Amino acid sequence: MEAKSQTAARTSTTQTPENLATEEVVIAVDVDDEE
């Protein structure tokens, strides 16, 4: 849960296409890790 909160905060702070793409990957990995 902490990881998701940090990711959301980062996405809100930095709205750069490159960053968004990176964050998307992080989220995907985070969800996969939970499984």
N, C-alpha and C. Protein backbone atom coordinates (compact mmCIF):
# COMPACT_ATOMS: atom_id res chain seq x y z
N MET A 1 0.84 -1.20 0.00
CA MET A 1 0.00 0.00 0.00
C MET A 1 0.88 1.25 0.00
N GLU A 2 1.96 1.20 0.72
CA GLU A 2 2.86 2.36 0.77
C GLU A 2 3.37 2.70 -0.63
N ALA A 3 3.74 1.67 -1.36
CA ALA A 3 4.28 1.88 -2.71
C ALA A 3 3.26 2.60 -3.59
N LYS A 4 2.01 2.19 -3.49
CA LYS A 4 0.97 2.81 -4.32
C LYS A 4 0.80 4.28 -3.93
N SER A 5 0.83 4.58 -2.64
CA SER A 5 0.67 5.97 -2.19
C SER A 5 1.81 6.83 -2.73
N GLN A 6 3.02 6.32 -2.63
CA GLN A 6 4.18 7.06 -3.12
C GLN A 6 4.09 7.27 -4.63
N THR A 7 3.63 6.25 -5.34
CA THR A 7 3.52 6.35 -6.80
C THR A 7 2.50 7.42 -7.16
N ALA A 8 1.38 7.44 -6.47
CA ALA A 8 0.35 8.43 -6.75
C ALA A 8 0.88 9.83 -6.50
N ALA A 9 1.62 9.99 -5.42
CA ALA A 9 2.19 11.30 -5.10
C ALA A 9 3.19 11.73 -6.16
N ARG A 10 4.01 10.80 -6.60
CA ARG A 10 5.00 11.13 -7.63
C ARG A 10 4.33 11.54 -8.93
N THR A 11 3.31 10.80 -9.31
CA THR A 11 2.61 11.11 -10.57
C THR A 11 1.98 12.49 -10.48
N SER A 12 1.47 12.83 -9.30
CA SER A 12 0.82 14.12 -9.12
C SER A 12 1.85 15.25 -9.17
N THR A 13 3.03 14.98 -8.66
CA THR A 13 4.08 16.01 -8.63
C THR A 13 4.70 16.19 -10.01
N THR A 14 5.04 15.10 -10.64
CA THR A 14 5.70 15.19 -11.95
C THR A 14 4.79 14.63 -13.03
N GLN A 15 4.24 15.51 -13.84
CA GLN A 15 3.34 15.07 -14.91
C GLN A 15 4.07 15.11 -16.24
N THR A 16 5.16 14.37 -16.33
CA THR A 16 5.91 14.31 -17.58
C THR A 16 5.61 12.99 -18.27
N PRO A 17 5.38 13.01 -19.57
CA PRO A 17 5.09 11.78 -20.32
C PRO A 17 6.06 10.65 -19.96
N GLU A 18 7.33 10.99 -19.87
CA GLU A 18 8.33 9.97 -19.56
C GLU A 18 8.11 9.43 -18.15
N ASN A 19 7.87 10.34 -17.20
CA ASN A 19 7.65 9.91 -15.82
C ASN A 19 6.37 9.08 -15.70
N LEU A 20 5.32 9.53 -16.38
CA LEU A 20 4.06 8.79 -16.31
C LEU A 20 4.26 7.37 -16.81
N ALA A 21 5.01 7.23 -17.89
CA ALA A 21 5.26 5.90 -18.44
C ALA A 21 6.02 5.06 -17.42
N THR A 22 6.99 5.67 -16.76
CA THR A 22 7.78 4.94 -15.76
C THR A 22 6.90 4.53 -14.59
N GLU A 23 6.07 5.46 -14.13
CA GLU A 23 5.19 5.16 -13.01
C GLU A 23 4.23 4.03 -13.37
N GLU A 24 3.77 4.04 -14.61
CA GLU A 24 2.84 2.99 -15.05
C GLU A 24 3.50 1.62 -14.90
N VAL A 25 4.75 1.54 -15.26
CA VAL A 25 5.49 0.28 -15.15
C VAL A 25 5.62 -0.10 -13.68
N VAL A 26 5.91 0.88 -12.84
CA VAL A 26 6.05 0.62 -11.40
C VAL A 26 4.75 0.07 -10.84
N ILE A 27 3.63 0.66 -11.24
CA ILE A 27 2.33 0.19 -10.76
C ILE A 27 2.10 -1.25 -11.22
N ALA A 28 2.39 -1.51 -12.48
CA ALA A 28 2.18 -2.86 -13.01
C ALA A 28 3.01 -3.87 -12.22
N VAL A 29 4.24 -3.53 -11.93
CA VAL A 29 5.12 -4.43 -11.17
C VAL A 29 4.59 -4.58 -9.75
N ASP A 30 4.10 -3.49 -9.17
CA ASP A 30 3.59 -3.53 -7.81
C ASP A 30 2.38 -4.47 -7.72
N VAL A 31 1.47 -4.34 -8.67
CA VAL A 31 0.28 -5.19 -8.68
C VAL A 31 0.68 -6.64 -8.87
N ASP A 32 1.62 -6.87 -9.77
CA ASP A 32 2.07 -8.24 -10.04
C ASP A 32 2.73 -8.83 -8.79
N ASP A 33 3.42 -7.99 -8.05
CA ASP A 33 4.11 -8.45 -6.85
C ASP A 33 3.08 -8.89 -5.79
N GLU A 34 1.99 -8.14 -5.71
CA GLU A 34 0.95 -8.49 -4.73
C GLU A 34 0.39 -9.88 -5.04
N GLU A 35 0.25 -10.17 -6.30
CA GLU A 35 -0.28 -11.48 -6.71
C GLU A 35 0.72 -12.56 -6.36
